[in-house]
């Protein structure tokens, strides 16, 4: 089954302490073919962007960048593994690593919200 990420909105439901995405952060996803991108903001993030390619099993191999509220430019890499919830929404289980700052890694979960 192929997942279409186009025009989906996600919110954070869990993140490790070294992450900057929080419950106020919203991700607005778009997709064209095997290319996915999103703009995100909210909470400690003023403006962020990500770009990803869709791998086998709808896994996303992505790169992200954002500016936080203390004007730092932060960048990183992430692998997002999708789960389809019982109600049909998408949950993404993410393993990420900063490519700026302390270069630490972490895990987060974002979940589709229906408006």
PDB file of N, CA and C in Angstrom:
ATOM      1  N   UNK A   1       0.838  -1.187   0.000  1.00  0.00           N
ATOM      2  CA  UNK A   1       0.000   0.000   0.000  1.00  0.00           C
ATOM      3  C   UNK A   1       0.879   1.246   0.000  1.00  0.00           C
ATOM      4  N   UNK A   2       0.597   2.147  -0.881  1.00  0.00           N
ATOM      5  CA  UNK A   2       1.356   3.389  -0.978  1.00  0.00           C
ATOM      6  C   UNK A   2       0.674   4.482  -0.155  1.00  0.00           C
ATOM      7  N   UNK A   3       1.449   5.194   0.637  1.00  0.00           N
ATOM      8  CA  UNK A   3       0.920   6.297   1.446  1.00  0.00           C
ATOM      9  C   UNK A   3       1.109   7.595   0.677  1.00  0.00           C
ATOM     10  N   UNK A   4       0.081   8.425   0.665  1.00  0.00           N
ATOM     11  CA  UNK A   4       0.185   9.744   0.058  1.00  0.00           C
ATOM     12  C   UNK A   4       0.254  10.773   1.185  1.00  0.00           C
ATOM     13  N   UNK A   5       1.378  11.486   1.260  1.00  0.00           N
ATOM     14  CA  UNK A   5       1.586  12.485   2.310  1.00  0.00           C
ATOM     15  C   UNK A   5       1.080  13.874   1.913  1.00  0.00           C
ATOM     16  N   UNK A   6       0.563  14.000   0.680  1.00  0.00           N
ATOM     17  CA  UNK A   6       0.190  15.311   0.142  1.00  0.00           C
ATOM     18  C   UNK A   6      -0.918  15.966   0.963  1.00  0.00           C
ATOM     19  N   UNK A   7      -0.683  17.205   1.348  1.00  0.00           N
ATOM     20  CA  UNK A   7      -1.618  18.052   2.098  1.00  0.00           C
ATOM     21  C   UNK A   7      -2.026  17.465   3.444  1.00  0.00           C
ATOM     22  N   UNK A   8      -1.121  16.701   4.056  1.00  0.00           N
ATOM     23  CA  UNK A   8      -1.350  16.183   5.408  1.00  0.00           C
ATOM     24  C   UNK A   8      -0.722  17.147   6.410  1.00  0.00           C
ATOM     25  N   UNK A   9      -1.349  17.292   7.550  1.00  0.00           N
ATOM     26  CA  UNK A   9      -0.822  18.124   8.636  1.00  0.00           C
ATOM     27  C   UNK A   9      -0.524  17.209   9.813  1.00  0.00           C
ATOM     28  N   UNK A  10       0.680  17.376  10.391  1.00  0.00           N
ATOM     29  CA  UNK A  10       1.122  16.551  11.505  1.00  0.00           C
ATOM     30  C   UNK A  10       1.448  17.426  12.711  1.00  0.00           C
ATOM     31  N   UNK A  11       1.309  16.839  13.900  1.00  0.00           N
ATOM     32  CA  UNK A  11       1.733  17.488  15.142  1.00  0.00           C
ATOM     33  C   UNK A  11       2.607  16.514  15.913  1.00  0.00           C
ATOM     34  N   UNK A  12       3.462  17.060  16.745  1.00  0.00           N
ATOM     35  CA  UNK A  12       4.350  16.252  17.572  1.00  0.00           C
ATOM     36  C   UNK A  12       3.571  15.679  18.750  1.00  0.00           C
ATOM     37  N   UNK A  13       3.798  14.378  19.023  1.00  0.00           N
ATOM     38  CA  UNK A  13       3.196  13.797  20.227  1.00  0.00           C
ATOM     39  C   UNK A  13       4.259  13.277  21.191  1.00  0.00           C
ATOM     40  N   UNK A  14       5.522  13.190  20.732  1.00  0.00           N
ATOM     41  CA  UNK A  14       6.619  12.758  21.616  1.00  0.00           C
ATOM     42  C   UNK A  14       7.947  13.174  20.985  1.00  0.00           C
ATOM     43  N   UNK A  15       8.900  13.525  21.843  1.00  0.00           N
ATOM     44  CA  UNK A  15      10.240  13.881  21.375  1.00  0.00           C
ATOM     45  C   UNK A  15      11.221  13.720  22.529  1.00  0.00           C
ATOM     46  N   UNK A  16      12.453  13.362  22.193  1.00  0.00           N
ATOM     47  CA  UNK A  16      13.481  13.291  23.226  1.00  0.00           C
ATOM     48  C   UNK A  16      13.870  14.704  23.648  1.00  0.00           C
ATOM     49  N   UNK A  17      14.491  14.827  24.821  1.00  0.00           N
ATOM     50  CA  UNK A  17      14.773  16.137  25.413  1.00  0.00           C
ATOM     51  C   UNK A  17      15.673  17.023  24.562  1.00  0.00           C
ATOM     52  N   UNK A  18      16.530  16.431  23.734  1.00  0.00           N
ATOM     53  CA  UNK A  18      17.448  17.232  22.922  1.00  0.00           C
ATOM     54  C   UNK A  18      16.822  17.701  21.612  1.00  0.00           C
ATOM     55  N   UNK A  19      15.537  17.407  21.390  1.00  0.00           N
ATOM     56  CA  UNK A  19      14.831  17.882  20.210  1.00  0.00           C
ATOM     57  C   UNK A  19      14.207  19.238  20.454  1.00  0.00           C
ATOM     58  N   UNK A  20      13.870  19.944  19.380  1.00  0.00           N
ATOM     59  CA  UNK A  20      13.260  21.269  19.501  1.00  0.00           C
ATOM     60  C   UNK A  20      11.786  21.285  19.097  1.00  0.00           C
ATOM     61  N   UNK A  21      11.320  20.246  18.440  1.00  0.00           N
ATOM     62  CA  UNK A  21       9.920  20.156  18.045  1.00  0.00           C
ATOM     63  C   UNK A  21       9.088  19.851  19.284  1.00  0.00           C
ATOM     64  N   UNK A  22       7.980  20.569  19.440  1.00  0.00           N
ATOM     65  CA  UNK A  22       7.099  20.369  20.583  1.00  0.00           C
ATOM     66  C   UNK A  22       5.650  20.236  20.151  1.00  0.00           C
ATOM     67  N   UNK A  23       4.753  20.150  21.108  1.00  0.00           N
ATOM     68  CA  UNK A  23       3.337  19.937  20.824  1.00  0.00           C
ATOM     69  C   UNK A  23       2.710  21.067  20.020  1.00  0.00           C
ATOM     70  N   UNK A  24       3.305  22.259  20.052  1.00  0.00           N
ATOM     71  CA  UNK A  24       2.767  23.398  19.302  1.00  0.00           C
ATOM     72  C   UNK A  24       3.225  23.394  17.847  1.00  0.00           C
ATOM     73  N   UNK A  25       4.207  22.571  17.512  1.00  0.00           N
ATOM     74  CA  UNK A  25       4.765  22.551  16.158  1.00  0.00           C
ATOM     75  C   UNK A  25       3.806  21.850  15.204  1.00  0.00           C
ATOM     76  N   UNK A  26       3.575  22.475  14.041  1.00  0.00           N
ATOM     77  CA  UNK A  26       2.731  21.893  13.002  1.00  0.00           C
ATOM     78  C   UNK A  26       3.548  21.744  11.724  1.00  0.00           C
ATOM     79  N   UNK A  27       3.405  20.579  11.096  1.00  0.00           N
ATOM     80  CA  UNK A  27       4.104  20.250   9.855  1.00  0.00           C
ATOM     81  C   UNK A  27       3.073  20.169   8.742  1.00  0.00           C
ATOM     82  N   UNK A  28       3.273  20.900   7.663  1.00  0.00           N
ATOM     83  CA  UNK A  28       2.362  20.909   6.521  1.00  0.00           C
ATOM     84  C   UNK A  28       3.068  20.219   5.355  1.00  0.00           C
ATOM     85  N   UNK A  29       2.701  18.964   5.111  1.00  0.00           N
ATOM     86  CA  UNK A  29       3.363  18.112   4.125  1.00  0.00           C
ATOM     87  C   UNK A  29       2.758  18.272   2.726  1.00  0.00           C
ATOM     88  N   UNK A  30       3.615  18.129   1.718  1.00  0.00           N
ATOM     89  CA  UNK A  30       3.232  18.086   0.315  1.00  0.00           C
ATOM     90  C   UNK A  30       3.980  16.920  -0.317  1.00  0.00           C
ATOM     91  N   UNK A  31       3.466  16.421  -1.429  1.00  0.00           N
ATOM     92  CA  UNK A  31       4.141  15.315  -2.111  1.00  0.00           C
ATOM     93  C   UNK A  31       3.910  15.410  -3.612  1.00  0.00           C
ATOM     94  N   UNK A  32       4.973  15.113  -4.353  1.00  0.00           N
ATOM     95  CA  UNK A  32       4.887  14.972  -5.805  1.00  0.00           C
ATOM     96  C   UNK A  32       5.757  13.778  -6.182  1.00  0.00           C
ATOM     97  N   UNK A  33       5.135  12.705  -6.630  1.00  0.00           N
ATOM     98  CA  UNK A  33       5.873  11.482  -6.926  1.00  0.00           C
ATOM     99  C   UNK A  33       6.519  10.946  -5.664  1.00  0.00           C
ATOM    100  N   UNK A  34       7.824  10.674  -5.720  1.00  0.00           N
ATOM    101  CA  UNK A  34       8.555  10.168  -4.554  1.00  0.00           C
ATOM    102  C   UNK A  34       9.269  11.269  -3.773  1.00  0.00           C
ATOM    103  N   UNK A  35       8.871  12.514  -4.018  1.00  0.00           N
ATOM    104  CA  UNK A  35       9.466  13.655  -3.308  1.00  0.00           C
ATOM    105  C   UNK A  35       8.430  14.226  -2.346  1.00  0.00           C
ATOM    106  N   UNK A  36       8.831  14.390  -1.099  1.00  0.00           N
ATOM    107  CA  UNK A  36       7.971  14.954  -0.052  1.00  0.00           C
ATOM    108  C   UNK A  36       8.685  16.159   0.534  1.00  0.00           C
ATOM    109  N   UNK A  37       7.932  17.209   0.835  1.00  0.00           N
ATOM    110  CA  UNK A  37       8.506  18.367   1.506  1.00  0.00           C
ATOM    111  C   UNK A  37       7.473  18.929   2.475  1.00  0.00           C
ATOM    112  N   UNK A  38       7.953  19.709   3.414  1.00  0.00           N
ATOM    113  CA  UNK A  38       7.042  20.305   4.389  1.00  0.00           C
ATOM    114  C   UNK A  38       7.622  21.600   4.918  1.00  0.00           C
ATOM    115  N   UNK A  39       6.725  22.456   5.331  1.00  0.00           N
ATOM    116  CA  UNK A  39       7.062  23.658   6.073  1.00  0.00           C
ATOM    117  C   UNK A  39       6.544  23.444   7.483  1.00  0.00           C
ATOM    118  N   UNK A  40       7.306  23.878   8.486  1.00  0.00           N
ATOM    119  CA  UNK A  40       6.855  23.689   9.855  1.00  0.00           C
ATOM    120  C   UNK A  40       7.218  24.875  10.726  1.00  0.00           C
ATOM    121  N   UNK A  41       6.425  25.086  11.774  1.00  0.00           N
ATOM    122  CA  UNK A  41       6.659  26.171  12.730  1.00  0.00           C
ATOM    123  C   UNK A  41       5.797  25.915  13.958  1.00  0.00           C
ATOM    124  N   UNK A  42       6.065  26.705  14.984  1.00  0.00           N
ATOM    125  CA  UNK A  42       5.301  26.609  16.220  1.00  0.00           C
ATOM    126  C   UNK A  42       6.172  26.215  17.387  1.00  0.00           C
ATOM    127  N   UNK A  43       5.786  26.668  18.567  1.00  0.00           N
ATOM    128  CA  UNK A  43       6.603  26.396  19.752  1.00  0.00           C
ATOM    129  C   UNK A  43       7.921  27.137  19.650  1.00  0.00           C
ATOM    130  N   UNK A  44       9.018  26.419  19.827  1.00  0.00           N
ATOM    131  CA  UNK A  44      10.343  27.050  19.793  1.00  0.00           C
ATOM    132  C   UNK A  44      10.878  27.241  18.379  1.00  0.00           C
ATOM    133  N   UNK A  45      10.105  26.842  17.367  1.00  0.00           N
ATOM    134  CA  UNK A  45      10.577  26.921  15.984  1.00  0.00           C
ATOM    135  C   UNK A  45       9.860  28.054  15.256  1.00  0.00           C
ATOM    136  N   UNK A  46      10.662  29.031  14.788  1.00  0.00           N
ATOM    137  CA  UNK A  46      10.084  30.143  14.048  1.00  0.00           C
ATOM    138  C   UNK A  46       9.695  29.728  12.635  1.00  0.00           C
ATOM    139  N   UNK A  47      10.600  29.055  11.930  1.00  0.00           N
ATOM    140  CA  UNK A  47      10.335  28.620  10.559  1.00  0.00           C
ATOM    141  C   UNK A  47      11.233  27.453  10.238  1.00  0.00           C
ATOM    142  N   UNK A  48      10.647  26.403   9.660  1.00  0.00           N
ATOM    143  CA  UNK A  48      11.424  25.237   9.289  1.00  0.00           C
ATOM    144  C   UNK A  48      10.955  24.642   7.980  1.00  0.00           C
ATOM    145  N   UNK A  49      11.868  23.901   7.348  1.00  0.00           N
ATOM    146  CA  UNK A  49      11.578  23.227   6.091  1.00  0.00           C
ATOM    147  C   UNK A  49      12.218  21.845   6.124  1.00  0.00           C
ATOM    148  N   UNK A  50      11.574  20.903   5.462  1.00  0.00           N
ATOM    149  CA  UNK A  50      12.189  19.590   5.286  1.00  0.00           C
ATOM    150  C   UNK A  50      11.940  19.120   3.868  1.00  0.00           C
ATOM    151  N   UNK A  51      12.845  18.265   3.400  1.00  0.00           N
ATOM    152  CA  UNK A  51      12.685  17.625   2.105  1.00  0.00           C
ATOM    153  C   UNK A  51      13.052  16.162   2.287  1.00  0.00           C
ATOM    154  N   UNK A  52      12.302  15.281   1.613  1.00  0.00           N
ATOM    155  CA  UNK A  52      12.508  13.846   1.805  1.00  0.00           C
ATOM    156  C   UNK A  52      12.249  13.104   0.507  1.00  0.00           C
ATOM    157  N   UNK A  53      12.836  11.920   0.430  1.00  0.00           N
ATOM    158  CA  UNK A  53      12.460  11.005  -0.645  1.00  0.00           C
ATOM    159  C   UNK A  53      11.786   9.801  -0.008  1.00  0.00           C
ATOM    160  N   UNK A  54      10.820   9.255  -0.732  1.00  0.00           N
ATOM    161  CA  UNK A  54      10.072   8.105  -0.246  1.00  0.00           C
ATOM    162  C   UNK A  54      10.834   6.843  -0.637  1.00  0.00           C
ATOM    163  N   UNK A  55      11.145   6.029   0.361  1.00  0.00           N
ATOM    164  CA  UNK A  55      11.832   4.761   0.148  1.00  0.00           C
ATOM    165  C   UNK A  55      10.811   3.628   0.152  1.00  0.00           C
ATOM    166  N   UNK A  56      11.301   2.396   0.125  1.00  0.00           N
ATOM    167  CA  UNK A  56      10.413   1.232   0.228  1.00  0.00           C
ATOM    168  C   UNK A  56       9.581   1.311   1.502  1.00  0.00           C
ATOM    169  N   UNK A  57       8.386   0.758   1.440  1.00  0.00           N
ATOM    170  CA  UNK A  57       7.466   0.724   2.584  1.00  0.00           C
ATOM    171  C   UNK A  57       7.077   2.112   3.080  1.00  0.00           C
ATOM    172  N   UNK A  58       7.140   3.119   2.192  1.00  0.00           N
ATOM    173  CA  UNK A  58       6.713   4.493   2.496  1.00  0.00           C
ATOM    174  C   UNK A  58       7.571   5.193   3.542  1.00  0.00           C
ATOM    175  N   UNK A  59       8.760   4.654   3.822  1.00  0.00           N
ATOM    176  CA  UNK A  59       9.693   5.283   4.761  1.00  0.00           C
ATOM    177  C   UNK A  59      10.223   6.571   4.131  1.00  0.00           C
ATOM    178  N   UNK A  60      10.370   7.616   4.951  1.00  0.00           N
ATOM    179  CA  UNK A  60      10.894   8.894   4.473  1.00  0.00           C
ATOM    180  C   UNK A  60      12.336   9.078   4.915  1.00  0.00           C
ATOM    181  N   UNK A  61      13.210   9.354   3.949  1.00  0.00           N
ATOM    182  CA  UNK A  61      14.609   9.699   4.205  1.00  0.00           C
ATOM    183  C   UNK A  61      14.695  11.205   4.022  1.00  0.00           C
ATOM    184  N   UNK A  62      14.850  11.943   5.125  1.00  0.00           N
ATOM    185  CA  UNK A  62      14.712  13.397   5.036  1.00  0.00           C
ATOM    186  C   UNK A  62      15.890  14.175   5.605  1.00  0.00           C
ATOM    187  N   UNK A  63      15.925  15.425   5.188  1.00  0.00           N
ATOM    188  CA  UNK A  63      16.835  16.434   5.715  1.00  0.00           C
ATOM    189  C   UNK A  63      15.961  17.602   6.171  1.00  0.00           C
ATOM    190  N   UNK A  64      16.335  18.217   7.297  1.00  0.00           N
ATOM    191  CA  UNK A  64      15.522  19.320   7.811  1.00  0.00           C
ATOM    192  C   UNK A  64      16.398  20.476   8.255  1.00  0.00           C
ATOM    193  N   UNK A  65      15.790  21.652   8.288  1.00  0.00           N
ATOM    194  CA  UNK A  65      16.469  22.858   8.759  1.00  0.00           C
ATOM    195  C   UNK A  65      15.426  23.810   9.314  1.00  0.00           C
ATOM    196  N   UNK A  66      15.797  24.484  10.375  1.00  0.00           N
ATOM    197  CA  UNK A  66      14.892  25.488  10.928  1.00  0.00           C
ATOM    198  C   UNK A  66      15.668  26.549  11.699  1.00  0.00           C
ATOM    199  N   UNK A  67      14.975  27.648  11.969  1.00  0.00           N
ATOM    200  CA  UNK A  67      15.495  28.707  12.835  1.00  0.00           C
ATOM    201  C   UNK A  67      14.638  28.698  14.087  1.00  0.00           C
ATOM    202  N   UNK A  68      15.310  28.611  15.239  1.00  0.00           N
ATOM    203  CA  UNK A  68      14.567  28.575  16.500  1.00  0.00           C
ATOM    204  C   UNK A  68      14.405  29.981  17.076  1.00  0.00           C
ATOM    205  N   UNK A  69      13.746  30.067  18.218  1.00  0.00           N
ATOM    206  CA  UNK A  69      13.424  31.372  18.806  1.00  0.00           C
ATOM    207  C   UNK A  69      14.636  32.137  19.321  1.00  0.00           C
ATOM    208  N   UNK A  70      15.776  31.474  19.457  1.00  0.00           N
ATOM    209  CA  UNK A  70      16.998  32.193  19.848  1.00  0.00           C
ATOM    210  C   UNK A  70      17.878  32.449  18.626  1.00  0.00           C
ATOM    211  N   UNK A  71      17.273  32.397  17.431  1.00  0.00           N
ATOM    212  CA  UNK A  71      17.898  32.745  16.149  1.00  0.00           C
ATOM    213  C   UNK A  71      19.027  31.809  15.729  1.00  0.00           C
ATOM    214  N   UNK A  72      19.009  30.559  16.213  1.00  0.00           N
ATOM    215  CA  UNK A  72      19.987  29.569  15.764  1.00  0.00           C
ATOM    216  C   UNK A  72      19.445  28.860  14.533  1.00  0.00           C
ATOM    217  N   UNK A  73      20.320  28.642  13.550  1.00  0.00           N
ATOM    218  CA  UNK A  73      19.983  27.842  12.386  1.00  0.00           C
ATOM    219  C   UNK A  73      20.378  26.413  12.697  1.00  0.00           C
ATOM    220  N   UNK A  74      19.393  25.515  12.733  1.00  0.00           N
ATOM    221  CA  UNK A  74      19.612  24.124  13.102  1.00  0.00           C
ATOM    222  C   UNK A  74      19.314  23.230  11.910  1.00  0.00           C
ATOM    223  N   UNK A  75      20.127  22.175  11.731  1.00  0.00           N
ATOM    224  CA  UNK A  75      19.949  21.251  10.606  1.00  0.00           C
ATOM    225  C   UNK A  75      20.075  19.818  11.095  1.00  0.00           C
ATOM    226  N   UNK A  76      19.484  18.898  10.319  1.00  0.00           N
ATOM    227  CA  UNK A  76      19.590  17.499  10.709  1.00  0.00           C
ATOM    228  C   UNK A  76      19.107  16.540   9.648  1.00  0.00           C
ATOM    229  N   UNK A  77      19.258  15.256   9.957  1.00  0.00           N
ATOM    230  CA  UNK A  77      18.805  14.166   9.105  1.00  0.00           C
ATOM    231  C   UNK A  77      17.820  13.317   9.900  1.00  0.00           C
ATOM    232  N   UNK A  78      16.917  12.642   9.174  1.00  0.00           N
ATOM    233  CA  UNK A  78      15.873  11.885   9.852  1.00  0.00           C
ATOM    234  C   UNK A  78      15.375  10.754   8.966  1.00  0.00           C
ATOM    235  N   UNK A  79      15.075   9.624   9.586  1.00  0.00           N
ATOM    236  CA  UNK A  79      14.355   8.535   8.937  1.00  0.00           C
ATOM    237  C   UNK A  79      13.009   8.422   9.642  1.00  0.00           C
ATOM    238  N   UNK A  80      11.917   8.506   8.870  1.00  0.00           N
ATOM    239  CA  UNK A  80      10.564   8.433   9.426  1.00  0.00           C
ATOM    240  C   UNK A  80       9.878   7.169   8.930  1.00  0.00           C
ATOM    241  N   UNK A  81       9.439   6.346   9.873  1.00  0.00           N
ATOM    242  CA  UNK A  81       8.781   5.082   9.551  1.00  0.00           C
ATOM    243  C   UNK A  81       7.287   5.232   9.841  1.00  0.00           C
ATOM    244  N   UNK A  82       6.440   5.061   8.808  1.00  0.00           N
ATOM    245  CA  UNK A  82       5.012   5.283   9.008  1.00  0.00           C
ATOM    246  C   UNK A  82       4.285   4.104   9.650  1.00  0.00           C
ATOM    247  N   UNK A  83       3.251   4.456  10.377  1.00  0.00           N
ATOM    248  CA  UNK A  83       2.297   3.487  10.934  1.00  0.00           C
ATOM    249  C   UNK A  83       0.908   4.024  10.597  1.00  0.00           C
ATOM    250  N   UNK A  84       0.032   3.164  10.111  1.00  0.00           N
ATOM    251  CA  UNK A  84      -1.349   3.574   9.853  1.00  0.00           C
ATOM    252  C   UNK A  84      -2.177   3.219  11.086  1.00  0.00           C
ATOM    253  N   UNK A  85      -2.789   4.234  11.668  1.00  0.00           N
ATOM    254  CA  UNK A  85      -3.600   4.036  12.869  1.00  0.00           C
ATOM    255  C   UNK A  85      -4.947   3.409  12.511  1.00  0.00           C
ATOM    256  N   UNK A  86      -5.639   2.909  13.505  1.00  0.00           N
ATOM    257  CA  UNK A  86      -6.933   2.237  13.295  1.00  0.00           C
ATOM    258  C   UNK A  86      -7.937   3.148  12.596  1.00  0.00           C
ATOM    259  N   UNK A  87      -7.838   4.461  12.823  1.00  0.00           N
ATOM    260  CA  UNK A  87      -8.775   5.400  12.194  1.00  0.00           C
ATOM    261  C   UNK A  87      -8.292   5.902  10.831  1.00  0.00           C
ATOM    262  N   UNK A  88      -7.172   5.355  10.343  1.00  0.00           N
ATOM    263  CA  UNK A  88      -6.667   5.712   9.015  1.00  0.00           C
ATOM    264  C   UNK A  88      -5.636   6.817   8.991  1.00  0.00           C
ATOM    265  N   UNK A  89      -5.427   7.495  10.116  1.00  0.00           N
ATOM    266  CA  UNK A  89      -4.423   8.551  10.173  1.00  0.00           C
ATOM    267  C   UNK A  89      -3.016   7.949  10.147  1.00  0.00           C
ATOM    268  N   UNK A  90      -2.053   8.806   9.815  1.00  0.00           N
ATOM    269  CA  UNK A  90      -0.652   8.386   9.732  1.00  0.00           C
ATOM    270  C   UNK A  90       0.093   8.837  10.989  1.00  0.00           C
ATOM    271  N   UNK A  91       0.875   7.937  11.548  1.00  0.00           N
ATOM    272  CA  UNK A  91       1.801   8.261  12.647  1.00  0.00           C
ATOM    273  C   UNK A  91       3.198   7.962  12.119  1.00  0.00           C
ATOM    274  N   UNK A  92       4.127   8.896  12.324  1.00  0.00           N
ATOM    275  CA  UNK A  92       5.510   8.722  11.880  1.00  0.00           C
ATOM    276  C   UNK A  92       6.431   8.555  13.083  1.00  0.00           C
ATOM    277  N   UNK A  93       7.159   7.448  13.105  1.00  0.00           N
ATOM    278  CA  UNK A  93       8.155   7.164  14.140  1.00  0.00           C
ATOM    279  C   UNK A  93       9.507   7.582  13.571  1.00  0.00           C
ATOM    280  N   UNK A  94      10.122   8.579  14.202  1.00  0.00           N
ATOM    281  CA  UNK A  94      11.298   9.222  13.621  1.00  0.00           C
ATOM    282  C   UNK A  94      12.557   8.985  14.448  1.00  0.00           C
ATOM    283  N   UNK A  95      13.626   8.674  13.736  1.00  0.00           N
ATOM    284  CA  UNK A  95      14.969   8.615  14.326  1.00  0.00           C
ATOM    285  C   UNK A  95      15.775   9.690  13.615  1.00  0.00           C
ATOM    286  N   UNK A  96      16.293  10.651  14.393  1.00  0.00           N
ATOM    287  CA  UNK A  96      16.940  11.800  13.795  1.00  0.00           C
ATOM    288  C   UNK A  96      18.283  12.092  14.454  1.00  0.00           C
ATOM    289  N   UNK A  97      19.064  12.916  13.760  1.00  0.00           N
ATOM    290  CA  UNK A  97      20.342  13.370  14.301  1.00  0.00           C
ATOM    291  C   UNK A  97      20.604  14.790  13.819  1.00  0.00           C
ATOM    292  N   UNK A  98      21.052  15.615  14.743  1.00  0.00           N
ATOM    293  CA  UNK A  98      21.470  16.971  14.383  1.00  0.00           C
ATOM    294  C   UNK A  98      22.746  16.905  13.545  1.00  0.00           C
ATOM    295  N   UNK A  99      22.810  17.745  12.511  1.00  0.00           N
ATOM    296  CA  UNK A  99      24.053  17.929  11.758  1.00  0.00           C
ATOM    297  C   UNK A  99      24.639  19.296  12.071  1.00  0.00           C
ATOM    298  N   UNK A 100      24.073  19.955  13.061  1.00  0.00           N
ATOM    299  CA  UNK A 100      24.581  21.218  13.603  1.00  0.00           C
ATOM    300  C   UNK A 100      24.539  21.092  15.125  1.00  0.00           C
ATOM    301  N   UNK A 101      25.048  22.086  15.805  1.00  0.00           N
ATOM    302  CA  UNK A 101      25.018  22.048  17.266  1.00  0.00           C
ATOM    303  C   UNK A 101      25.829  20.902  17.828  1.00  0.00           C
ATOM    304  N   UNK A 102      25.238  20.152  18.748  1.00  0.00           N
ATOM    305  CA  UNK A 102      25.993  19.098  19.449  1.00  0.00           C
ATOM    306  C   UNK A 102      26.031  17.756  18.714  1.00  0.00           C
ATOM    307  N   UNK A 103      25.405  17.672  17.552  1.00  0.00           N
ATOM    308  CA  UNK A 103      25.402  16.464  16.712  1.00  0.00           C
ATOM    309  C   UNK A 103      24.744  15.261  17.393  1.00  0.00           C
ATOM    310  N   UNK A 104      23.955  15.503  18.423  1.00  0.00           N
ATOM    311  CA  UNK A 104      23.293  14.407  19.138  1.00  0.00           C
ATOM    312  C   UNK A 104      22.147  13.838  18.303  1.00  0.00           C
ATOM    313  N   UNK A 105      21.646  12.696  18.738  1.00  0.00           N
ATOM    314  CA  UNK A 105      20.534  12.051  18.037  1.00  0.00           C
ATOM    315  C   UNK A 105      19.369  11.854  18.997  1.00  0.00           C
ATOM    316  N   UNK A 106      18.206  11.539  18.426  1.00  0.00           N
ATOM    317  CA  UNK A 106      17.026  11.337  19.246  1.00  0.00           C
ATOM    318  C   UNK A 106      15.928  10.655  18.468  1.00  0.00           C
ATOM    319  N   UNK A 107      14.777  10.555  19.108  1.00  0.00           N
ATOM    320  CA  UNK A 107      13.608   9.933  18.497  1.00  0.00           C
ATOM    321  C   UNK A 107      12.384  10.788  18.790  1.00  0.00           C
ATOM    322  N   UNK A 108      11.472  10.803  17.831  1.00  0.00           N
ATOM    323  CA  UNK A 108      10.234  11.552  18.011  1.00  0.00           C
ATOM    324  C   UNK A 108       9.102  10.828  17.301  1.00  0.00           C
ATOM    325  N   UNK A 109       7.890  11.243  17.624  1.00  0.00           N
ATOM    326  CA  UNK A 109       6.695  10.722  16.966  1.00  0.00           C
ATOM    327  C   UNK A 109       5.825  11.914  16.598  1.00  0.00           C
ATOM    328  N   UNK A 110       5.402  11.947  15.321  1.00  0.00           N
ATOM    329  CA  UNK A 110       4.424  12.931  14.911  1.00  0.00           C
ATOM    330  C   UNK A 110       3.213  12.190  14.361  1.00  0.00           C
ATOM    331  N   UNK A 111       2.056  12.841  14.463  1.00  0.00           N
ATOM    332  CA  UNK A 111       0.807  12.168  14.106  1.00  0.00           C
ATOM    333  C   UNK A 111      -0.069  13.115  13.290  1.00  0.00           C
ATOM    334  N   UNK A 112      -0.708  12.559  12.281  1.00  0.00           N
ATOM    335  CA  UNK A 112      -1.587  13.339  11.419  1.00  0.00           C
ATOM    336  C   UNK A 112      -2.769  13.878  12.225  1.00  0.00           C
ATOM    337  N   UNK A 113      -3.111  15.122  11.941  1.00  0.00           N
ATOM    338  CA  UNK A 113      -4.314  15.714  12.523  1.00  0.00           C
ATOM    339  C   UNK A 113      -5.301  15.999  11.399  1.00  0.00           C
ATOM    340  N   UNK A 114      -6.555  15.757  11.658  1.00  0.00           N
ATOM    341  CA  UNK A 114      -7.626  15.971  10.685  1.00  0.00           C
ATOM    342  C   UNK A 114      -8.316  17.283  11.037  1.00  0.00           C
ATOM    343  N   UNK A 115      -8.440  18.149  10.041  1.00  0.00           N
ATOM    344  CA  UNK A 115      -9.106  19.432  10.285  1.00  0.00           C
ATOM    345  C   UNK A 115     -10.433  19.516   9.600  1.00  0.00           C
TER     346      UNK A 115
END
